[in-house]
Protein backbone atom coordinates (compact mmCIF):
# COMPACT_ATOMS: atom_id res chain seq x y z
CA MET A 1 182.92 171.96 176.13
CA THR A 2 180.70 172.38 173.26
CA ARG A 3 176.99 172.68 173.47
CA LYS A 4 175.28 169.92 171.98
CA LEU A 5 171.95 171.07 170.15
CA TYR A 6 171.01 167.56 168.95
CA TYR A 7 169.76 166.57 172.35
CA THR A 8 168.04 170.13 173.18
CA SER A 9 166.64 170.57 169.28
CA SER A 10 166.83 167.62 167.17
CA LYS A 11 165.09 169.77 164.59
CA THR A 12 167.64 172.45 164.43
CA SER A 13 169.49 172.60 160.75
CA GLN A 14 170.97 176.14 160.50
CA TRP A 15 173.13 178.29 162.74
CA ASP A 16 175.55 180.49 163.76
CA THR A 17 177.93 179.80 166.09
CA LYS A 18 182.03 180.51 167.04
CA ILE A 19 185.07 178.31 166.68
CA GLN A 20 186.84 177.21 169.76
CA GLN A 21 189.91 175.20 168.20
CA ILE A 22 191.11 173.94 165.08
CA PHE A 23 193.91 171.98 164.67
CA GLU A 24 195.60 169.91 161.34
CA ASP A 25 195.92 166.26 161.48
CA ASN A 26 197.28 164.12 158.19
CA GLY A 27 196.09 167.24 156.08
CA PHE A 28 192.36 167.73 157.25
CA TYR A 29 191.28 170.06 159.83
CA TYR A 30 189.32 169.45 162.68
CA ILE A 31 187.05 172.03 164.23
CA ILE A 32 185.75 172.07 167.71
CA LEU A 33 182.74 174.90 167.85
CA GLU A 34 180.69 176.32 170.58
CA GLU A 35 177.55 174.50 169.52
CA THR A 36 176.96 171.97 167.35
CA ALA A 37 173.80 170.23 165.80
CA PHE A 38 175.99 168.02 163.90
CA TYR A 39 175.58 164.39 165.76
CA PRO A 40 178.67 162.17 166.15
CA GLU A 41 178.61 158.67 164.87
CA GLY A 42 177.30 156.56 167.97
CA GLY A 43 174.84 154.05 169.68
CA GLY A 44 174.11 152.34 166.01
CA GLN A 45 174.00 155.89 164.39
CA PRO A 46 175.60 157.34 161.58
CA SER A 47 177.10 160.85 161.83
CA ASP A 48 175.57 163.58 160.26
CA THR A 49 176.67 165.62 157.08
CA GLY A 50 176.59 169.10 156.12
CA SER A 51 178.76 172.50 155.91
CA ILE A 52 180.63 174.60 158.21
CA GLU A 53 181.11 178.27 155.83
CA GLY A 54 180.24 176.21 152.89
CA ILE A 55 182.58 173.95 153.59
CA THR A 56 181.68 170.02 153.90
CA VAL A 57 181.97 168.35 156.87
CA LEU A 58 183.57 164.88 156.22
CA ASP A 59 183.45 163.25 159.74
CA VAL A 60 181.87 163.93 163.07
CA THR A 61 183.43 162.18 165.78
CA LYS A 62 183.22 162.53 169.85
CA SER A 63 187.15 162.94 171.06
CA GLU A 64 188.11 160.95 174.14
CA ASP A 65 187.64 164.54 176.65
CA GLY A 66 183.72 164.89 175.17
CA ASN A 67 184.66 167.22 172.35
CA ILE A 68 182.97 166.95 168.85
CA LEU A 69 184.92 167.24 165.87
CA HIS A 70 184.26 168.54 162.25
CA LYS A 71 186.30 167.13 160.10
CA LEU A 72 187.06 169.13 156.83
CA GLU A 73 189.52 169.59 154.05
CA CYS A 74 190.33 173.17 154.59
CA ARG A 75 189.92 175.91 157.04
CA PRO A 76 187.15 178.13 157.61
CA GLY A 77 188.10 181.79 156.73
CA SER A 78 186.16 183.47 159.66
CA GLU A 79 185.78 182.63 163.79
CA PHE A 80 182.05 182.96 163.29
CA VAL A 81 180.52 180.06 161.02
CA HIS A 82 177.66 179.88 159.66
CA CYS A 83 176.41 176.14 159.76
CA GLU A 84 174.14 173.90 157.56
CA LEU A 85 173.13 169.94 158.30
CA ASN A 86 171.97 167.82 155.83
CA TRP A 87 168.77 167.86 157.03
CA GLU A 88 166.99 165.21 154.74
CA ARG A 89 169.96 162.69 156.01
CA ARG A 90 168.65 163.70 160.00
CA PHE A 91 165.43 163.40 159.61
CA ASP A 92 166.16 160.00 157.62
CA HIS A 93 167.83 158.79 160.83
CA MET A 94 165.65 160.10 163.31
CA GLN A 95 162.90 158.16 161.49
CA GLN A 96 165.03 155.18 161.61
CA HIS A 97 166.26 155.20 165.01
CA SER A 98 162.92 156.20 166.69
CA GLY A 99 161.23 153.37 164.32
CA GLN A 100 163.88 150.74 165.68
CA HIS A 101 163.07 151.96 169.76
CA LEU A 102 159.45 151.38 168.81
CA LEU A 103 160.13 148.03 166.76
CA SER A 104 161.94 146.47 169.70
CA ALA A 105 159.84 147.47 172.27
CA VAL A 106 156.49 146.07 170.38
CA CYS A 107 158.99 142.81 170.35
CA ARG A 108 159.55 142.85 173.56
CA GLU A 109 155.72 143.48 174.55
CA LEU A 110 153.98 140.79 172.10
CA PHE A 111 156.82 137.64 172.36
CA ASP A 112 159.30 138.83 175.36
CA ALA A 113 161.64 138.86 172.41
CA HIS A 114 164.99 141.00 173.32
CA THR A 115 166.79 143.26 170.84
CA VAL A 116 170.88 142.58 170.94
CA SER A 117 171.83 144.63 168.50
CA PHE A 118 170.96 147.50 165.63
CA HIS A 119 172.38 148.26 162.61
CA LEU A 120 171.35 151.42 160.28
CA GLY A 121 173.15 151.46 157.32
CA THR A 122 172.28 153.14 153.68
CA GLU A 123 170.43 150.43 153.06
CA ASN A 124 169.53 148.04 155.30
CA ILE A 125 167.99 148.71 158.93
CA THR A 126 168.31 145.39 160.88
CA ILE A 127 167.88 144.39 164.97
CA ASP A 128 168.96 140.92 165.94
CA ILE A 129 166.36 139.37 168.64
CA ILE A 130 166.29 136.85 171.21
CA ALA A 131 164.00 134.75 169.12
CA PRO A 132 165.12 130.88 167.98
CA GLN A 133 161.97 130.69 166.77
CA TRP A 134 160.19 133.37 164.67
CA THR A 135 157.30 132.80 162.35
CA GLU A 136 155.41 134.81 159.27
CA GLU A 137 153.14 134.80 162.06
CA HIS A 138 155.21 136.72 164.75
CA THR A 139 155.91 139.44 162.00
CA ILE A 140 152.21 140.40 160.91
CA ALA A 141 151.21 140.97 164.83
CA THR A 142 154.48 143.10 165.35
CA GLU A 143 154.06 145.15 162.37
CA LYS A 144 150.40 145.58 163.10
CA GLN A 145 150.80 146.70 166.79
CA VAL A 146 154.20 148.78 165.55
CA ASN A 147 152.21 150.78 163.03
CA GLN A 148 149.08 151.21 165.38
CA TYR A 149 151.55 153.11 167.72
CA ILE A 150 152.34 155.31 164.69
CA TYR A 151 148.70 156.00 164.44
CA GLU A 152 148.53 157.18 167.85
CA ASN A 153 151.02 159.55 167.84
CA ARG A 154 152.77 158.79 170.98
CA LYS A 155 154.80 161.30 172.24
CA LEU A 156 158.85 160.88 172.35
CA LEU A 157 160.27 162.59 175.55
CA THR A 158 164.26 162.84 175.90
CA TYR A 159 165.91 164.16 179.32
CA PHE A 160 168.70 163.47 181.48
CA VAL A 161 168.67 161.97 184.95
CA THR A 162 171.14 161.01 187.55
CA LYS A 163 172.08 157.37 188.03
CA GLU A 164 169.73 157.55 191.10
CA GLN A 165 166.60 159.10 189.63
CA ILE A 166 167.19 156.12 186.84
CA GLN A 167 166.86 153.64 189.69
CA ALA A 168 162.94 154.48 190.03
CA LEU A 169 162.41 153.96 185.92
CA PRO A 170 161.78 151.08 184.24
CA VAL A 171 164.59 151.10 181.70
CA VAL A 172 164.55 148.68 179.18
CA LYS A 173 168.65 148.18 180.45
CA MET A 174 170.70 150.16 182.84
CA PRO A 175 173.11 152.15 180.74
CA LYS A 176 176.77 151.59 181.13
CA VAL A 177 177.47 155.28 182.16
CA SER A 178 176.69 156.80 185.62
CA GLU A 179 176.78 160.58 184.64
CA ASN A 180 174.41 162.28 181.91
CA ILE A 181 172.35 159.70 181.70
CA ARG A 182 169.75 160.56 178.77
CA ILE A 183 166.38 158.71 178.52
CA VAL A 184 164.47 158.31 175.27
CA GLU A 185 160.83 158.17 176.30
CA ILE A 186 157.85 156.60 174.24
CA LYS A 187 155.02 157.90 176.46
CA GLY A 188 153.06 154.60 177.58
CA ILE A 189 155.39 152.41 175.82
CA GLU A 190 159.20 152.03 176.98
CA TYR A 191 162.00 153.80 178.77
CA ASN A 192 165.19 153.36 176.84
CA PRO A 193 168.79 155.13 177.79
CA CYS A 194 170.31 156.09 174.14
CA GLY A 195 171.83 159.44 173.21
CA GLY A 196 170.96 159.10 169.77
CA THR A 197 168.63 161.96 167.47
CA HIS A 198 164.93 160.95 167.23
CA VAL A 199 161.56 162.54 166.43
CA GLU A 200 158.90 164.29 168.54
CA GLN A 201 156.15 162.26 167.80
CA THR A 202 155.42 158.64 167.15
CA GLY A 203 153.30 159.76 163.49
CA GLU A 204 156.65 161.67 162.42
CA ILE A 205 158.33 157.74 161.90
CA GLY A 206 155.43 157.55 159.32
CA LEU A 207 155.53 153.85 159.01
CA ILE A 208 157.44 150.77 159.95
CA LYS A 209 157.65 147.53 157.18
CA ILE A 210 159.49 144.71 158.32
CA LEU A 211 161.17 143.54 154.69
CA LYS A 212 162.03 139.72 155.69
CA THR A 213 163.37 137.96 158.94
CA GLU A 214 167.07 135.51 159.08
CA LYS A 215 168.05 133.02 161.70
CA GLN A 216 171.00 133.91 163.40
CA LYS A 217 171.45 130.64 165.58
CA GLU A 218 169.83 131.62 169.29
CA HIS A 219 168.86 134.86 167.37
CA THR A 220 166.35 136.14 164.30
CA ARG A 221 167.44 139.24 162.31
CA LEU A 222 164.87 141.29 161.30
CA TYR A 223 165.19 143.95 158.22
CA PHE A 224 163.07 146.63 158.29
CA LYS A 225 162.19 150.47 156.64
CA CYS A 226 160.75 153.54 158.34
CA GLY A 227 158.95 156.56 156.87
CA LEU A 228 160.50 157.56 153.44
CA ARG A 229 162.80 154.73 153.58
CA ALA A 230 159.57 152.48 153.22
CA LEU A 231 157.62 155.03 151.26
CA ASN A 232 160.67 154.52 148.42
CA ASP A 233 161.28 151.02 148.93
CA PHE A 234 157.44 150.31 147.97
CA SER A 235 157.37 152.73 145.02
CA ASP A 236 160.53 150.71 143.67
CA SER A 237 158.56 147.71 143.94
CA LEU A 238 155.43 148.90 142.94
CA ASN A 239 157.11 150.32 139.59
CA VAL A 240 159.05 146.93 139.31
CA LEU A 241 155.20 144.91 139.58
CA SER A 242 154.13 147.66 137.30
CA ALA A 243 156.29 146.72 134.71
CA LEU A 244 155.92 142.89 135.01
CA SER A 245 151.91 143.68 134.96
CA THR A 246 152.41 145.43 131.46
CA LYS A 247 154.99 142.72 130.30
CA PHE A 248 152.68 139.95 130.56
CA ASN A 249 149.76 141.94 130.24
CA THR A 250 147.92 141.01 133.11
CA GLY A 251 146.80 142.40 136.52
CA ARG A 252 149.13 142.16 139.51
CA LYS A 253 147.47 139.49 141.43
CA GLU A 254 148.32 136.95 138.28
CA ILE A 255 151.78 137.85 137.71
CA ILE A 256 152.67 134.59 139.97
CA ASN A 257 150.27 132.36 138.01
CA ARG A 258 152.21 133.66 134.74
CA VAL A 259 155.49 133.24 136.18
CA GLU A 260 154.15 129.53 137.79
CA LYS A 261 153.17 128.74 133.90
CA LEU A 262 156.60 130.15 132.68
CA GLU A 263 158.28 128.23 134.93
CA ASP A 264 156.25 124.87 133.80
CA ASP A 265 157.09 125.83 130.46
CA TYR A 266 160.97 126.03 130.53
CA LYS A 267 161.02 122.83 132.49
CA GLN A 268 159.48 120.91 129.30
CA LEU A 269 161.47 122.80 126.94
CA ALA A 270 164.45 121.57 129.30
CA SER A 271 163.28 118.69 129.31
CA THR A 272 162.77 118.42 125.50
CA HIS A 273 166.01 119.78 124.76
CA GLU A 274 168.02 116.95 126.96
CA LYS A 275 166.41 114.06 124.79
CA LEU A 276 167.69 116.06 121.63
CA LYS A 277 170.82 116.28 123.75
CA LEU A 278 170.83 112.71 124.02
CA GLU A 279 169.61 111.66 120.56
CA ASN A 280 172.38 114.02 119.24
CA ALA A 281 174.78 112.97 121.40
CA LYS A 282 174.38 109.02 120.37
CA PHE A 283 174.16 109.93 116.59
CA LEU A 284 177.80 111.81 116.97
CA ALA A 285 179.01 108.91 119.45
CA ASP A 286 178.18 106.35 116.67
CA SER A 287 179.98 109.01 113.60
CA LEU A 288 183.19 109.62 115.42
CA LEU A 289 183.58 105.25 116.28
CA GLU A 290 182.94 104.89 112.70
CA ASN A 291 187.29 106.49 113.10
CA ASN A 292 187.82 103.61 115.72
CA GLY A 293 190.93 102.14 114.05
CA ASP A 294 193.46 102.22 116.50
CA GLY A 295 191.28 102.42 119.97
CA PHE A 296 192.04 105.91 119.84
CA ILE A 297 189.79 108.93 118.91
CA SER A 298 190.38 112.81 119.26
CA HIS A 299 188.37 115.65 118.37
CA ILE A 300 187.98 119.30 118.78
CA PHE A 301 184.60 121.28 119.59
CA GLU A 302 184.14 124.68 118.73
CA ASP A 303 181.17 125.74 120.75
CA SER A 304 180.68 122.04 122.90
CA SER A 305 180.56 122.62 126.55
CA LEU A 306 182.89 120.50 128.80
CA LYS A 307 179.36 118.83 130.38
CA GLU A 308 178.60 118.01 126.76
CA LEU A 309 181.38 116.42 126.32
CA GLN A 310 181.54 114.35 129.16
CA PHE A 311 178.43 113.23 128.43
CA LEU A 312 179.34 112.81 124.55
CA SER A 313 182.52 110.41 125.87
CA ALA A 314 180.36 108.29 128.76
CA THR A 315 178.30 107.24 126.05
CA MET A 316 181.20 106.18 123.29
CA VAL A 317 183.15 104.25 126.37
CA GLN A 318 180.04 102.75 127.03
CA LYS A 319 179.69 101.15 123.46
CA GLU A 320 183.37 100.22 122.65
CA LYS A 321 186.84 99.93 124.37
CA VAL A 322 188.07 103.50 123.43
CA LEU A 323 190.08 106.11 124.78
CA VAL A 324 189.00 109.58 123.98
CA LEU A 325 190.60 113.37 123.80
CA PHE A 326 188.10 116.02 123.51
CA ALA A 327 188.74 119.55 123.70
CA SER A 328 186.28 122.21 123.99
CA TYR A 329 187.63 125.29 122.24
CA LYS A 330 185.21 127.83 123.26
CA GLU A 331 185.47 127.14 126.90
CA GLN A 332 189.31 126.11 126.55
CA LYS A 333 189.04 123.09 128.55
CA ILE A 334 189.84 118.90 127.58
CA LEU A 335 188.64 116.44 129.00
CA LEU A 336 190.70 112.57 128.75
CA ALA A 337 188.45 108.93 129.17
CA HIS A 338 188.00 105.61 128.66
CA SER A 339 186.26 102.68 130.11
CA GLY A 340 188.99 100.79 131.70
CA SER A 341 190.39 99.83 128.89
CA SER A 342 193.63 101.67 128.52
CA SER A 343 196.43 101.45 130.86
CA ILE A 344 196.86 105.06 131.22
CA HIS A 345 196.09 106.93 133.90
CA CYS A 346 194.12 110.06 133.12
CA GLY A 347 194.25 111.88 136.36
CA GLN A 348 198.13 111.17 137.14
CA TYR A 349 198.50 111.81 133.21
CA PHE A 350 196.96 115.29 133.67
CA LYS A 351 199.22 115.66 137.13
CA GLU A 352 202.47 114.97 135.59
CA THR A 353 201.94 117.21 132.27
CA LEU A 354 199.28 120.35 132.79
CA SER A 355 201.63 122.85 134.79
CA SER A 356 204.42 122.55 131.35
CA TYR A 357 201.15 124.15 129.94
CA ASN A 358 199.50 126.69 131.92
CA GLY A 359 197.06 124.00 132.90
CA LYS A 360 194.61 123.65 135.80
CA GLY A 361 193.34 120.06 136.44
CA GLY A 362 192.81 116.81 137.83
CA GLY A 363 190.53 113.52 137.79
CA ASN A 364 190.24 109.81 138.49
CA GLU A 365 192.10 106.46 136.71
CA LYS A 366 189.29 106.78 134.18
CA SER A 367 188.35 110.58 133.30
CA ALA A 368 190.18 113.69 133.99
CA GLN A 369 189.49 117.31 132.72
CA ALA A 370 191.26 120.47 133.14
CA GLY A 371 191.21 124.11 132.08
CA PHE A 372 193.61 126.49 130.30
CA ALA A 373 194.49 130.09 130.26
CA SER A 374 194.64 130.63 126.79
CA GLN A 375 193.30 128.93 123.64
CA ASN A 376 197.12 128.67 122.26
CA ASP A 377 198.07 126.50 125.74
CA LEU A 378 194.81 124.56 125.63
CA MET A 379 196.05 123.86 121.49
CA ALA A 380 199.74 123.21 123.06
CA PHE A 381 198.45 120.46 125.48
CA TYR A 382 195.65 118.83 122.44
CA GLU A 383 198.58 118.23 120.06
CA PHE A 384 200.96 117.11 122.72
CA THR A 385 199.02 114.48 124.30
CA ALA A 386 197.70 113.27 121.05
CA GLU A 387 200.67 112.65 119.90
CA GLN A 388 202.08 110.66 122.82
CA ILE A 389 198.99 108.61 123.32
CA ARG A 390 199.35 107.79 119.56
CA SER A 391 202.85 106.66 120.33
CA LYS A 392 202.70 105.26 123.19
CA PHE A 393 198.83 103.81 123.91
CA GLY A 394 197.54 103.72 120.49
CA HIS A 395 197.43 100.20 120.19
CA ASP A 396 196.53 99.25 123.92
CA GLU A 397 193.15 97.31 124.02
């Protein structure tokens, strides 16, 4: 059986060892070493990466018989190999995993909120806790206490106990296994059965920052980062704030005020724009209605949106008994509408004819709209519909 260095010395990053076994499967080689510091995925913690004799380790898993399998693209050329761990990745996992233990312990300590799940991803780290009501005050108190324990630099101890010995320990929860039970103890805080890799002192976690919280039915999800991840996140945020501060020529604390002023200015401009659109629509409606000789008006608009055409058509059918057919060349959409003065059922007409022109849409008796796969399809449908209306409904008022 492979000797697991990640249990006895979590900071081992380079070592020499002997290959016990190699087998090939689906074009990949799986190596079993006499001893390994490569941690296999499990317990919410991703596997380690690195190299064996310069060959990249693609994945590390544990087989059903307990062996640690190292997945490689090619076979090492020697029985004795030099192994190197991706230490940056390993230490990150240690910081996040130990930080999760400490954060979960504080959630229980302060609010009796027990952790039910843990996720350690490349970007997000989360825990789900049993806390249906979680406020900003809870977050502030938790963050303050968890970082206080980091400043106190409490020891983290890892050791194995028997199923009899664990009965005497106030563990967070009883493990499912009854043999090789590994305990991660944070001095004076908790005893937790866990097989992951951890730092040796809480001070090595660096800091813990809770980024946001989300409701998950009767649970609350805490998003957080520890150590170097938290520092990098702070640096990224600071860069954004500094850029905004330069952009607005103001201090960081004044950025919110400047953004709120921009929002107010935008709302005023949007309101003015809507009024101008209304006036323009009324003017355009009057202009188009001047040609209302037979109760049917059709027009193609190069740059108008469907929303603008809907507003224009509504304005026109309120003024007169007219049937309108509008096309938006830019959006490849068509609108057919009337005020109830025409016998044509707009929605039914679209339903019967659209499929022949690669169009999709629908509507009701008085209004329907559709989109088309191409401008050619749009124009073909527009010309066909205009011809149909003029021949069948042109004098229907």
